[in-house]
Amino acid sequence: MKTRLENIGHNIRQRRKLLNLSQIDVAVDVGIDRAYLSEIENGRTNVTIGILYAIADSLNVSLVDLLTEPSERIKS
């Protein structure tokens, strides 16, 4: 079972790849280091709500989309 941080990271990575964006693309847009984004995507670091909002904006999704466990998402 994945931790909450791992689920958030998974959601970020999945959306980023869906949009064909690199970690550098998102990191520059958000104003963070690429290595920090990698740590977030791998569920290895806690992240502030402000950074999560910025990532959600960069990926054009709601914050809820990043926080929701994959099994809880509504299939479209």
PDB file of N, CA and C in Angstrom:
ATOM      1  N   MET A   1       0.844  -1.184   0.000  1.00  0.00           N
ATOM      2  CA  MET A   1       0.000   0.000   0.000  1.00  0.00           C
ATOM      3  C   MET A   1       0.889   1.247   0.000  1.00  0.00           C
ATOM      4  N   LYS A   2       0.568   2.164  -0.872  1.00  0.00           N
ATOM      5  CA  LYS A   2       1.354   3.391  -0.983  1.00  0.00           C
ATOM      6  C   LYS A   2       0.997   4.364   0.138  1.00  0.00           C
ATOM      7  N   THR A   3       1.979   5.149   0.524  1.00  0.00           N
ATOM      8  CA  THR A   3       1.734   6.212   1.494  1.00  0.00           C
ATOM      9  C   THR A   3       1.043   7.372   0.787  1.00  0.00           C
ATOM     10  N   ARG A   4       0.547   8.296   1.562  1.00  0.00           N
ATOM     11  CA  ARG A   4      -0.104   9.478   0.983  1.00  0.00           C
ATOM     12  C   ARG A   4       0.866  10.270   0.120  1.00  0.00           C
ATOM     13  N   LEU A   5       2.092  10.418   0.591  1.00  0.00           N
ATOM     14  CA  LEU A   5       3.082  11.156  -0.194  1.00  0.00           C
ATOM     15  C   LEU A   5       3.389  10.448  -1.509  1.00  0.00           C
ATOM     16  N   GLU A   6       3.440   9.122  -1.478  1.00  0.00           N
ATOM     17  CA  GLU A   6       3.677   8.359  -2.708  1.00  0.00           C
ATOM     18  C   GLU A   6       2.501   8.516  -3.672  1.00  0.00           C
ATOM     19  N   ASN A   7       1.279   8.544  -3.147  1.00  0.00           N
ATOM     20  CA  ASN A   7       0.104   8.739  -4.010  1.00  0.00           C
ATOM     21  C   ASN A   7       0.125  10.108  -4.674  1.00  0.00           C
ATOM     22  N   ILE A   8       0.467  11.137  -3.903  1.00  0.00           N
ATOM     23  CA  ILE A   8       0.558  12.482  -4.473  1.00  0.00           C
ATOM     24  C   ILE A   8       1.618  12.509  -5.567  1.00  0.00           C
ATOM     25  N   GLY A   9       2.784  11.946  -5.286  1.00  0.00           N
ATOM     26  CA  GLY A   9       3.853  11.895  -6.279  1.00  0.00           C
ATOM     27  C   GLY A   9       3.448  11.144  -7.526  1.00  0.00           C
ATOM     28  N   HIS A  10       2.758  10.028  -7.338  1.00  0.00           N
ATOM     29  CA  HIS A  10       2.271   9.238  -8.474  1.00  0.00           C
ATOM     30  C   HIS A  10       1.335  10.079  -9.333  1.00  0.00           C
ATOM     31  N   ASN A  11       0.412  10.790  -8.693  1.00  0.00           N
ATOM     32  CA  ASN A  11      -0.547  11.617  -9.435  1.00  0.00           C
ATOM     33  C   ASN A  11       0.153  12.725 -10.208  1.00  0.00           C
ATOM     34  N   ILE A  12       1.154  13.327  -9.597  1.00  0.00           N
ATOM     35  CA  ILE A  12       1.902  14.385 -10.276  1.00  0.00           C
ATOM     36  C   ILE A  12       2.635  13.817 -11.482  1.00  0.00           C
ATOM     37  N   ARG A  13       3.356  12.717 -11.283  1.00  0.00           N
ATOM     38  CA  ARG A  13       4.114  12.108 -12.380  1.00  0.00           C
ATOM     39  C   ARG A  13       3.180  11.676 -13.520  1.00  0.00           C
ATOM     40  N   GLN A  14       2.080  11.048 -13.169  1.00  0.00           N
ATOM     41  CA  GLN A  14       1.138  10.565 -14.184  1.00  0.00           C
ATOM     42  C   GLN A  14       0.613  11.715 -15.042  1.00  0.00           C
ATOM     43  N   ARG A  15       0.204  12.798 -14.395  1.00  0.00           N
ATOM     44  CA  ARG A  15      -0.332  13.950 -15.131  1.00  0.00           C
ATOM     45  C   ARG A  15       0.771  14.618 -15.963  1.00  0.00           C
ATOM     46  N   ARG A  16       1.964  14.743 -15.381  1.00  0.00           N
ATOM     47  CA  ARG A  16       3.082  15.366 -16.105  1.00  0.00           C
ATOM     48  C   ARG A  16       3.398  14.587 -17.372  1.00  0.00           C
ATOM     49  N   LYS A  17       3.431  13.272 -17.266  1.00  0.00           N
ATOM     50  CA  LYS A  17       3.732  12.441 -18.431  1.00  0.00           C
ATOM     51  C   LYS A  17       2.601  12.487 -19.452  1.00  0.00           C
ATOM     52  N   LEU A  18       1.359  12.549 -18.974  1.00  0.00           N
ATOM     53  CA  LEU A  18       0.213  12.657 -19.871  1.00  0.00           C
ATOM     54  C   LEU A  18       0.321  13.922 -20.728  1.00  0.00           C
ATOM     55  N   LEU A  19       0.855  14.970 -20.129  1.00  0.00           N
ATOM     56  CA  LEU A  19       1.020  16.239 -20.844  1.00  0.00           C
ATOM     57  C   LEU A  19       2.348  16.322 -21.609  1.00  0.00           C
ATOM     58  N   ASN A  20       3.122  15.234 -21.582  1.00  0.00           N
ATOM     59  CA  ASN A  20       4.434  15.189 -22.237  1.00  0.00           C
ATOM     60  C   ASN A  20       5.357  16.308 -21.763  1.00  0.00           C
ATOM     61  N   LEU A  21       5.352  16.532 -20.462  1.00  0.00           N
ATOM     62  CA  LEU A  21       6.229  17.536 -19.865  1.00  0.00           C
ATOM     63  C   LEU A  21       7.371  16.847 -19.136  1.00  0.00           C
ATOM     64  N   SER A  22       8.540  17.444 -19.178  1.00  0.00           N
ATOM     65  CA  SER A  22       9.670  16.924 -18.413  1.00  0.00           C
ATOM     66  C   SER A  22       9.589  17.471 -16.989  1.00  0.00           C
ATOM     67  N   GLN A  23      10.372  16.865 -16.105  1.00  0.00           N
ATOM     68  CA  GLN A  23      10.455  17.399 -14.747  1.00  0.00           C
ATOM     69  C   GLN A  23      10.995  18.823 -14.780  1.00  0.00           C
ATOM     70  N   ILE A  24      11.913  19.085 -15.670  1.00  0.00           N
ATOM     71  CA  ILE A  24      12.478  20.433 -15.783  1.00  0.00           C
ATOM     72  C   ILE A  24      11.406  21.433 -16.193  1.00  0.00           C
ATOM     73  N   ASP A  25      10.556  21.052 -17.149  1.00  0.00           N
ATOM     74  CA  ASP A  25       9.475  21.942 -17.588  1.00  0.00           C
ATOM     75  C   ASP A  25       8.611  22.378 -16.408  1.00  0.00           C
ATOM     76  N   VAL A  26       8.190  21.397 -15.618  1.00  0.00           N
ATOM     77  CA  VAL A  26       7.302  21.685 -14.485  1.00  0.00           C
ATOM     78  C   VAL A  26       8.052  22.440 -13.394  1.00  0.00           C
ATOM     79  N   ALA A  27       9.258  22.007 -13.093  1.00  0.00           N
ATOM     80  CA  ALA A  27      10.042  22.654 -12.032  1.00  0.00           C
ATOM     81  C   ALA A  27      10.280  24.130 -12.343  1.00  0.00           C
ATOM     82  N   VAL A  28      10.638  24.439 -13.570  1.00  0.00           N
ATOM     83  CA  VAL A  28      10.872  25.832 -13.952  1.00  0.00           C
ATOM     84  C   VAL A  28       9.578  26.628 -13.832  1.00  0.00           C
ATOM     85  N   ASP A  29       8.480  26.061 -14.293  1.00  0.00           N
ATOM     86  CA  ASP A  29       7.186  26.742 -14.221  1.00  0.00           C
ATOM     87  C   ASP A  29       6.779  27.015 -12.776  1.00  0.00           C
ATOM     88  N   VAL A  30       7.055  26.064 -11.895  1.00  0.00           N
ATOM     89  CA  VAL A  30       6.674  26.184 -10.488  1.00  0.00           C
ATOM     90  C   VAL A  30       7.675  27.029  -9.696  1.00  0.00           C
ATOM     91  N   GLY A  31       8.928  27.058 -10.150  1.00  0.00           N
ATOM     92  CA  GLY A  31       9.958  27.812  -9.454  1.00  0.00           C
ATOM     93  C   GLY A  31      10.678  26.997  -8.389  1.00  0.00           C
ATOM     94  N   ILE A  32      10.798  25.684  -8.656  1.00  0.00           N
ATOM     95  CA  ILE A  32      11.525  24.802  -7.747  1.00  0.00           C
ATOM     96  C   ILE A  32      12.611  24.075  -8.523  1.00  0.00           C
ATOM     97  N   ASP A  33      13.502  23.427  -7.802  1.00  0.00           N
ATOM     98  CA  ASP A  33      14.567  22.659  -8.428  1.00  0.00           C
ATOM     99  C   ASP A  33      14.024  21.335  -8.969  1.00  0.00           C
ATOM    100  N   ARG A  34      14.566  20.871 -10.083  1.00  0.00           N
ATOM    101  CA  ARG A  34      14.126  19.611 -10.657  1.00  0.00           C
ATOM    102  C   ARG A  34      14.316  18.452  -9.690  1.00  0.00           C
ATOM    103  N   ALA A  35      15.398  18.466  -8.944  1.00  0.00           N
ATOM    104  CA  ALA A  35      15.653  17.397  -7.979  1.00  0.00           C
ATOM    105  C   ALA A  35      14.584  17.373  -6.884  1.00  0.00           C
ATOM    106  N   TYR A  36      14.119  18.549  -6.486  1.00  0.00           N
ATOM    107  CA  TYR A  36      13.043  18.625  -5.482  1.00  0.00           C
ATOM    108  C   TYR A  36      11.753  18.029  -6.051  1.00  0.00           C
ATOM    109  N   LEU A  37      11.442  18.335  -7.310  1.00  0.00           N
ATOM    110  CA  LEU A  37      10.263  17.753  -7.945  1.00  0.00           C
ATOM    111  C   LEU A  37      10.396  16.237  -8.012  1.00  0.00           C
ATOM    112  N   SER A  38      11.566  15.747  -8.307  1.00  0.00           N
ATOM    113  CA  SER A  38      11.806  14.305  -8.335  1.00  0.00           C
ATOM    114  C   SER A  38      11.534  13.682  -6.964  1.00  0.00           C
ATOM    115  N   GLU A  39      12.002  14.341  -5.909  1.00  0.00           N
ATOM    116  CA  GLU A  39      11.760  13.846  -4.548  1.00  0.00           C
ATOM    117  C   GLU A  39      10.263  13.819  -4.241  1.00  0.00           C
ATOM    118  N   ILE A  40       9.542  14.833  -4.696  1.00  0.00           N
ATOM    119  CA  ILE A  40       8.086  14.877  -4.494  1.00  0.00           C
ATOM    120  C   ILE A  40       7.431  13.723  -5.249  1.00  0.00           C
ATOM    121  N   GLU A  41       7.793  13.553  -6.512  1.00  0.00           N
ATOM    122  CA  GLU A  41       7.194  12.492  -7.330  1.00  0.00           C
ATOM    123  C   GLU A  41       7.479  11.102  -6.771  1.00  0.00           C
ATOM    124  N   ASN A  42       8.602  10.946  -6.102  1.00  0.00           N
ATOM    125  CA  ASN A  42       8.947   9.648  -5.528  1.00  0.00           C
ATOM    126  C   ASN A  42       8.437   9.469  -4.107  1.00  0.00           C
ATOM    127  N   GLY A  43       7.691  10.455  -3.603  1.00  0.00           N
ATOM    128  CA  GLY A  43       7.111  10.349  -2.273  1.00  0.00           C
ATOM    129  C   GLY A  43       8.124  10.373  -1.157  1.00  0.00           C
ATOM    130  N   ARG A  44       9.270  10.986  -1.401  1.00  0.00           N
ATOM    131  CA  ARG A  44      10.363  10.996  -0.422  1.00  0.00           C
ATOM    132  C   ARG A  44      10.428  12.251   0.426  1.00  0.00           C
ATOM    133  N   THR A  45       9.614  13.245   0.100  1.00  0.00           N
ATOM    134  CA  THR A  45       9.682  14.495   0.843  1.00  0.00           C
ATOM    135  C   THR A  45       8.293  15.072   1.038  1.00  0.00           C
ATOM    136  N   ASN A  46       8.144  15.749   2.150  1.00  0.00           N
ATOM    137  CA  ASN A  46       6.907  16.449   2.404  1.00  0.00           C
ATOM    138  C   ASN A  46       6.921  17.735   1.579  1.00  0.00           C
ATOM    139  N   VAL A  47       5.764  18.200   1.204  1.00  0.00           N
ATOM    140  CA  VAL A  47       5.690  19.364   0.332  1.00  0.00           C
ATOM    141  C   VAL A  47       4.663  20.336   0.902  1.00  0.00           C
ATOM    142  N   THR A  48       4.929  21.619   0.745  1.00  0.00           N
ATOM    143  CA  THR A  48       3.992  22.613   1.277  1.00  0.00           C
ATOM    144  C   THR A  48       2.763  22.697   0.389  1.00  0.00           C
ATOM    145  N   ILE A  49       1.695  23.183   0.971  1.00  0.00           N
ATOM    146  CA  ILE A  49       0.453  23.347   0.220  1.00  0.00           C
ATOM    147  C   ILE A  49       0.644  24.363  -0.910  1.00  0.00           C
ATOM    148  N   GLY A  50       1.469  25.376  -0.669  1.00  0.00           N
ATOM    149  CA  GLY A  50       1.731  26.372  -1.712  1.00  0.00           C
ATOM    150  C   GLY A  50       2.397  25.761  -2.934  1.00  0.00           C
ATOM    151  N   ILE A  51       3.364  24.887  -2.714  1.00  0.00           N
ATOM    152  CA  ILE A  51       4.028  24.210  -3.830  1.00  0.00           C
ATOM    153  C   ILE A  51       3.047  23.286  -4.525  1.00  0.00           C
ATOM    154  N   LEU A  52       2.214  22.580  -3.765  1.00  0.00           N
ATOM    155  CA  LEU A  52       1.221  21.698  -4.391  1.00  0.00           C
ATOM    156  C   LEU A  52       0.258  22.491  -5.273  1.00  0.00           C
ATOM    157  N   TYR A  53      -0.185  23.650  -4.792  1.00  0.00           N
ATOM    158  CA  TYR A  53      -1.053  24.488  -5.617  1.00  0.00           C
ATOM    159  C   TYR A  53      -0.339  24.912  -6.898  1.00  0.00           C
ATOM    160  N   ALA A  54       0.927  25.285  -6.785  1.00  0.00           N
ATOM    161  CA  ALA A  54       1.691  25.709  -7.963  1.00  0.00           C
ATOM    162  C   ALA A  54       1.862  24.558  -8.950  1.00  0.00           C
ATOM    163  N   ILE A  55       2.119  23.355  -8.443  1.00  0.00           N
ATOM    164  CA  ILE A  55       2.234  22.181  -9.316  1.00  0.00           C
ATOM    165  C   ILE A  55       0.899  21.893  -9.988  1.00  0.00           C
ATOM    166  N   ALA A  56      -0.186  21.959  -9.220  1.00  0.00           N
ATOM    167  CA  ALA A  56      -1.515  21.725  -9.793  1.00  0.00           C
ATOM    168  C   ALA A  56      -1.802  22.734 -10.906  1.00  0.00           C
ATOM    169  N   ASP A  57      -1.470  24.004 -10.668  1.00  0.00           N
ATOM    170  CA  ASP A  57      -1.667  25.031 -11.702  1.00  0.00           C
ATOM    171  C   ASP A  57      -0.827  24.732 -12.935  1.00  0.00           C
ATOM    172  N   SER A  58       0.413  24.335 -12.725  1.00  0.00           N
ATOM    173  CA  SER A  58       1.309  24.029 -13.836  1.00  0.00           C
ATOM    174  C   SER A  58       0.787  22.863 -14.667  1.00  0.00           C
ATOM    175  N   LEU A  59       0.157  21.894 -13.995  1.00  0.00           N
ATOM    176  CA  LEU A  59      -0.355  20.703 -14.676  1.00  0.00           C
ATOM    177  C   LEU A  59      -1.819  20.847 -15.093  1.00  0.00           C
ATOM    178  N   ASN A  60      -2.385  22.026 -14.812  1.00  0.00           N
ATOM    179  CA  ASN A  60      -3.765  22.332 -15.191  1.00  0.00           C
ATOM    180  C   ASN A  60      -4.764  21.323 -14.612  1.00  0.00           C
ATOM    181  N   VAL A  61      -4.588  21.031 -13.317  1.00  0.00           N
ATOM    182  CA  VAL A  61      -5.522  20.162 -12.591  1.00  0.00           C
ATOM    183  C   VAL A  61      -5.850  20.829 -11.263  1.00  0.00           C
ATOM    184  N   SER A  62      -6.870  20.318 -10.593  1.00  0.00           N
ATOM    185  CA  SER A  62      -7.200  20.840  -9.273  1.00  0.00           C
ATOM    186  C   SER A  62      -6.291  20.196  -8.228  1.00  0.00           C
ATOM    187  N   LEU A  63      -6.176  20.852  -7.114  1.00  0.00           N
ATOM    188  CA  LEU A  63      -5.405  20.294  -6.007  1.00  0.00           C
ATOM    189  C   LEU A  63      -5.998  18.953  -5.587  1.00  0.00           C
ATOM    190  N   VAL A  64      -7.302  18.832  -5.623  1.00  0.00           N
ATOM    191  CA  VAL A  64      -7.974  17.577  -5.257  1.00  0.00           C
ATOM    192  C   VAL A  64      -7.488  16.433  -6.147  1.00  0.00           C
ATOM    193  N   ASP A  65      -7.276  16.709  -7.420  1.00  0.00           N
ATOM    194  CA  ASP A  65      -6.788  15.663  -8.329  1.00  0.00           C
ATOM    195  C   ASP A  65      -5.429  15.130  -7.895  1.00  0.00           C
ATOM    196  N   LEU A  66      -4.602  15.988  -7.316  1.00  0.00           N
ATOM    197  CA  LEU A  66      -3.283  15.547  -6.864  1.00  0.00           C
ATOM    198  C   LEU A  66      -3.360  14.796  -5.537  1.00  0.00           C
ATOM    199  N   LEU A  67      -4.362  15.119  -4.726  1.00  0.00           N
ATOM    200  CA  LEU A  67      -4.470  14.525  -3.402  1.00  0.00           C
ATOM    201  C   LEU A  67      -5.271  13.229  -3.357  1.00  0.00           C
ATOM    202  N   THR A  68      -6.091  12.999  -4.361  1.00  0.00           N
ATOM    203  CA  THR A  68      -6.969  11.836  -4.367  1.00  0.00           C
ATOM    204  C   THR A  68      -6.197  10.560  -4.645  1.00  0.00           C
ATOM    205  N   GLU A  69      -6.506   9.523  -3.875  1.00  0.00           N
ATOM    206  CA  GLU A  69      -5.878   8.227  -4.126  1.00  0.00           C
ATOM    207  C   GLU A  69      -6.354   7.708  -5.470  1.00  0.00           C
ATOM    208  N   PRO A  70      -5.471   7.065  -6.238  1.00  0.00           N
ATOM    209  CA  PRO A  70      -5.838   6.608  -7.583  1.00  0.00           C
ATOM    210  C   PRO A  70      -7.116   5.778  -7.623  1.00  0.00           C
ATOM    211  N   SER A  71      -7.343   4.920  -6.655  1.00  0.00           N
ATOM    212  CA  SER A  71      -8.528   4.065  -6.667  1.00  0.00           C
ATOM    213  C   SER A  71      -9.808   4.838  -6.400  1.00  0.00           C
ATOM    214  N   GLU A  72      -9.704   6.068  -5.877  1.00  0.00           N
ATOM    215  CA  GLU A  72     -10.867   6.870  -5.569  1.00  0.00           C
ATOM    216  C   GLU A  72     -11.280   7.777  -6.726  1.00  0.00           C
ATOM    217  N   ARG A  73     -10.431   7.897  -7.735  1.00  0.00           N
ATOM    218  CA  ARG A  73     -10.737   8.782  -8.853  1.00  0.00           C
ATOM    219  C   ARG A  73     -11.867   8.224  -9.688  1.00  0.00           C
ATOM    220  N   ILE A  74     -12.690   9.130 -10.157  1.00  0.00           N
ATOM    221  CA  ILE A  74     -13.786   8.747 -11.050  1.00  0.00           C
ATOM    222  C   ILE A  74     -13.208   8.543 -12.440  1.00  0.00           C
ATOM    223  N   LYS A  75     -13.526   7.429 -13.027  1.00  0.00           N
ATOM    224  CA  LYS A  75     -13.061   7.144 -14.394  1.00  0.00           C
ATOM    225  C   LYS A  75     -13.889   7.970 -15.366  1.00  0.00           C
ATOM    226  N   SER A  76     -13.215   8.594 -16.334  1.00  0.00           N
ATOM    227  CA  SER A  76     -13.963   9.362 -17.326  1.00  0.00           C
ATOM    228  C   SER A  76     -13.834   8.771 -18.694  1.00  0.00           C
TER     229      SER A  76
END
